[in-house]
Amino acid sequence: METLVVDHPLVAHKLTALRDVTTDSPTFRRLADELVTLLAYEATRQVRVTELTVRTPVAPATGVRLAQPYPLVVPILRAGLGMLEGMTRLLPTAEVGFLGMIRDESTLQAQTYATRLPEDLSGRQVYVLDPMLATGGTLAAAIRFLFDRGADDVTAICLLAAPEGIAHLDEALSDAGRPVRLVTAALDERLNENGYIVPGLGDAGDRLYGVV
């Protein structure tokens, strides 16, 4: 698995504000949206394109456009929804699917409770949105689910990642035989005894939408 930790002053600036416990939910949502767009810029460097010739006011020019089938963006509910607009702002023609997964806090295992995806993802390039790569169980299960439906290239975009989560992804997807990339704003120190990233930023879903 290829891992990219985006080293950019604007990324670090927005992430610092997201970490701050005094940042309220509306501000947190705006900052997360802005940060995802910055991460998406790096995550889409290998997006598939086809050559296209257009006519400028002066002469023909050769360029590119996104290849079909268009990329598929899949936020993992519920916290991944807070990243969707920032991603589709950069990829407005992308299609969007939804995958509902939740981590059992006692076993730390991921459970699927909802899907809204094409049955056949053959040949599709997929971008998965999940704010926190903690234990890695949820993201590994989501990527495996997408591969099982035929996706042949998956890039995960996370605000934060823990070393334990990256190690789990490497192990769980070692036999996938297809490209897997991770793009994140920071690699934090570790997980605590409850499976939360340290120093992290708390529960991303709760900070985006409040405690329900």
Protein backbone atom coordinates (compact mmCIF):
# COMPACT_ATOMS: atom_id res chain seq x y z
CA MET A 1 0.00 0.00 0.00
CA GLU A 2 1.25 3.45 -0.90
CA THR A 3 0.91 6.04 1.87
CA LEU A 4 1.18 9.80 1.38
CA VAL A 5 1.25 12.19 4.33
CA VAL A 6 0.58 15.59 2.76
CA ASP A 7 3.23 18.05 3.93
CA HIS A 8 1.85 21.51 3.26
CA PRO A 9 1.54 24.58 5.53
CA LEU A 10 -2.17 25.07 4.75
CA VAL A 11 -2.90 21.43 5.53
CA ALA A 12 -1.06 21.71 8.86
CA HIS A 13 -2.80 25.00 9.68
CA LYS A 14 -6.30 23.64 9.12
CA LEU A 15 -5.53 20.37 10.90
CA THR A 16 -4.28 22.25 13.96
CA ALA A 17 -7.58 24.13 14.16
CA LEU A 18 -9.50 20.87 13.77
CA ARG A 19 -7.61 19.35 16.68
CA ASP A 20 -8.44 22.25 18.99
CA VAL A 21 -11.09 21.19 21.50
CA THR A 22 -12.55 24.72 21.47
CA THR A 23 -13.40 24.55 17.73
CA ASP A 24 -17.19 24.39 17.45
CA SER A 25 -19.11 22.11 15.06
CA PRO A 26 -19.86 24.70 12.34
CA THR A 27 -16.21 25.74 12.20
CA PHE A 28 -15.09 22.10 12.34
CA ARG A 29 -17.30 21.26 9.35
CA ARG A 30 -15.95 24.18 7.32
CA LEU A 31 -12.33 23.35 8.12
CA ALA A 32 -12.81 19.66 7.35
CA ASP A 33 -14.39 20.59 4.01
CA GLU A 34 -11.45 22.85 3.12
CA LEU A 35 -8.88 20.31 4.27
CA VAL A 36 -10.43 17.51 2.21
CA THR A 37 -10.17 19.60 -0.95
CA LEU A 38 -6.45 20.06 -0.31
CA LEU A 39 -6.00 16.33 0.31
CA ALA A 40 -8.11 15.48 -2.75
CA TYR A 41 -5.75 17.49 -4.94
CA GLU A 42 -2.93 15.14 -3.98
CA ALA A 43 -5.13 12.02 -3.97
CA THR A 44 -6.23 12.54 -7.57
CA ARG A 45 -2.77 12.80 -9.12
CA GLN A 46 -3.32 9.37 -10.68
CA VAL A 47 -6.92 9.91 -11.74
CA ARG A 48 -7.50 8.44 -15.19
CA VAL A 49 -7.73 10.82 -18.13
CA THR A 50 -8.04 10.63 -21.90
CA GLU A 51 -6.52 12.95 -24.46
CA LEU A 52 -8.75 15.63 -25.95
CA THR A 53 -8.20 18.31 -28.57
CA VAL A 54 -10.09 21.58 -28.22
CA ARG A 55 -10.06 24.79 -30.21
CA THR A 56 -8.94 27.92 -28.41
CA PRO A 57 -9.67 31.40 -29.85
CA VAL A 58 -6.24 31.13 -31.50
CA ALA A 59 -5.55 27.52 -32.46
CA PRO A 60 -6.21 23.88 -31.58
CA ALA A 61 -4.78 22.68 -28.26
CA THR A 62 -4.29 19.17 -26.96
CA GLY A 63 -5.30 18.50 -23.35
CA VAL A 64 -7.05 15.86 -21.26
CA ARG A 65 -10.39 15.17 -19.64
CA LEU A 66 -11.48 12.67 -17.03
CA ALA A 67 -11.84 9.19 -18.49
CA GLN A 68 -15.04 7.20 -18.31
CA PRO A 69 -16.32 5.53 -16.27
CA TYR A 70 -15.97 8.57 -14.02
CA PRO A 71 -14.42 8.15 -10.58
CA LEU A 72 -16.65 6.92 -7.79
CA VAL A 73 -16.53 8.71 -4.43
CA VAL A 74 -17.65 6.65 -1.44
CA PRO A 75 -18.00 8.30 1.97
CA ILE A 76 -18.23 5.90 4.90
CA LEU A 77 -21.26 6.94 6.95
CA ARG A 78 -21.69 8.95 9.02
CA ALA A 79 -18.48 10.90 9.49
CA GLY A 80 -17.40 10.48 5.87
CA LEU A 81 -20.34 12.65 4.80
CA GLY A 82 -18.50 15.63 6.26
CA MET A 83 -15.80 15.08 3.63
CA LEU A 84 -18.04 14.61 0.60
CA GLU A 85 -18.55 18.20 -0.51
CA GLY A 86 -14.84 18.98 -0.28
CA MET A 87 -14.11 16.01 -2.53
CA THR A 88 -16.84 16.60 -5.12
CA ARG A 89 -15.86 20.26 -5.35
CA LEU A 90 -12.67 19.05 -6.98
CA LEU A 91 -14.37 16.19 -8.89
CA PRO A 92 -17.84 17.52 -9.78
CA THR A 93 -18.44 14.84 -12.42
CA ALA A 94 -17.68 11.97 -10.04
CA GLU A 95 -20.46 9.59 -9.09
CA VAL A 96 -21.21 9.10 -5.40
CA GLY A 97 -22.00 5.90 -3.54
CA PHE A 98 -22.55 5.36 0.18
CA LEU A 99 -21.31 2.72 2.56
CA GLY A 100 -22.61 2.55 6.12
CA MET A 101 -20.14 0.97 8.51
CA ILE A 102 -19.81 1.24 12.25
CA ARG A 103 -17.14 0.10 14.67
CA ASP A 104 -18.30 -2.06 17.54
CA GLU A 105 -16.67 -0.32 20.50
CA SER A 106 -16.36 -3.54 22.46
CA THR A 107 -14.75 -5.67 19.74
CA LEU A 108 -13.39 -2.82 17.58
CA GLN A 109 -14.68 -4.77 14.54
CA ALA A 110 -16.43 -3.07 11.61
CA GLN A 111 -20.04 -3.92 10.81
CA THR A 112 -21.87 -2.97 7.59
CA TYR A 113 -25.38 -1.61 8.07
CA ALA A 114 -26.14 0.14 4.75
CA THR A 115 -24.93 0.17 1.14
CA ARG A 116 -25.85 2.31 -1.83
CA LEU A 117 -23.41 1.26 -4.53
CA PRO A 118 -23.50 -0.25 -8.01
CA GLU A 119 -23.44 -4.04 -7.92
CA ASP A 120 -20.68 -4.10 -10.53
CA LEU A 121 -17.69 -1.81 -10.02
CA SER A 122 -15.52 -3.44 -12.67
CA GLY A 123 -12.91 -1.04 -13.98
CA ARG A 124 -13.86 1.68 -11.50
CA GLN A 125 -11.43 3.98 -9.75
CA VAL A 126 -12.80 4.60 -6.25
CA TYR A 127 -12.05 7.25 -3.63
CA VAL A 128 -13.07 6.30 -0.09
CA LEU A 129 -13.67 9.04 2.48
CA ASP A 130 -13.18 8.25 6.17
CA PRO A 131 -11.90 10.92 8.58
CA MET A 132 -10.00 8.66 10.99
CA LEU A 133 -7.81 5.65 10.24
CA ALA A 134 -7.55 4.26 13.78
CA THR A 135 -7.51 0.46 14.10
CA GLY A 136 -7.95 0.14 10.34
CA GLY A 137 -10.76 -2.41 10.64
CA THR A 138 -13.49 -0.25 9.11
CA LEU A 139 -11.42 1.01 6.21
CA ALA A 140 -9.99 -2.44 5.43
CA ALA A 141 -13.49 -3.92 5.38
CA ALA A 142 -14.74 -1.09 3.14
CA ILE A 143 -11.91 -1.50 0.64
CA ARG A 144 -12.34 -5.27 0.59
CA PHE A 145 -16.09 -4.74 -0.05
CA LEU A 146 -15.29 -2.49 -3.03
CA PHE A 147 -12.78 -4.96 -4.45
CA ASP A 148 -15.32 -7.75 -4.08
CA ARG A 149 -17.65 -5.74 -6.32
CA GLY A 150 -14.95 -5.34 -8.96
CA ALA A 151 -13.20 -2.03 -8.23
CA ASP A 152 -9.63 -2.17 -9.52
CA ASP A 153 -8.09 0.92 -7.90
CA VAL A 154 -8.91 2.39 -4.47
CA THR A 155 -7.58 5.53 -2.81
CA ALA A 156 -8.55 6.27 0.80
CA ILE A 157 -8.55 9.85 2.05
CA CYS A 158 -8.33 10.33 5.82
CA LEU A 159 -7.81 13.42 7.93
CA LEU A 160 -5.67 11.47 10.40
CA ALA A 161 -4.03 8.06 10.59
CA ALA A 162 -2.44 5.95 13.31
CA PRO A 163 0.51 3.60 12.72
CA GLU A 164 -1.56 0.65 13.91
CA GLY A 165 -4.22 1.37 11.30
CA ILE A 166 -1.72 1.57 8.47
CA ALA A 167 -0.11 -1.70 9.57
CA HIS A 168 -3.53 -3.37 9.67
CA LEU A 169 -4.39 -2.15 6.16
CA ASP A 170 -1.06 -3.41 4.84
CA GLU A 171 -1.71 -6.85 6.31
CA ALA A 172 -5.42 -7.11 5.55
CA LEU A 173 -5.03 -6.05 1.90
CA SER A 174 -1.69 -7.67 1.15
CA ASP A 175 -3.34 -10.20 -1.15
CA ALA A 176 -5.66 -7.73 -2.92
CA GLY A 177 -3.53 -7.63 -6.05
CA ARG A 178 -4.84 -4.17 -6.88
CA PRO A 179 -3.54 -0.66 -6.15
CA VAL A 180 -4.40 0.76 -2.72
CA ARG A 181 -3.32 4.25 -1.71
CA LEU A 182 -3.78 6.22 1.48
CA VAL A 183 -3.65 10.02 1.58
CA THR A 184 -3.75 11.70 4.97
CA ALA A 185 -2.99 15.04 6.60
CA ALA A 186 -0.96 13.51 9.44
CA LEU A 187 0.37 10.30 10.91
CA ASP A 188 -0.19 10.51 14.66
CA GLU A 189 1.62 8.76 17.51
CA ARG A 190 -0.51 5.77 18.45
CA LEU A 191 -3.86 4.43 19.58
CA ASN A 192 -4.93 4.53 23.21
CA GLU A 193 -6.52 1.65 25.10
CA ASN A 194 -9.95 2.60 23.71
CA GLY A 195 -8.81 2.54 20.09
CA TYR A 196 -8.73 6.33 19.67
CA ILE A 197 -5.95 8.15 17.86
CA VAL A 198 -3.49 10.07 20.09
CA PRO A 199 -3.28 13.06 20.00
CA GLY A 200 -6.00 12.88 17.35
CA LEU A 201 -8.96 15.22 17.34
CA GLY A 202 -11.62 13.26 19.19
CA ASP A 203 -14.61 11.57 17.57
CA ALA A 204 -14.87 13.11 14.09
CA GLY A 205 -18.57 12.26 13.72
CA ASP A 206 -19.48 13.86 17.03
CA ARG A 207 -17.44 16.96 16.26
CA LEU A 208 -19.01 17.29 12.81
CA TYR A 209 -22.62 16.70 13.79
CA GLY A 210 -22.86 16.70 17.58
CA VAL A 211 -23.46 13.80 19.95
CA VAL A 212 -26.65 11.88 19.08
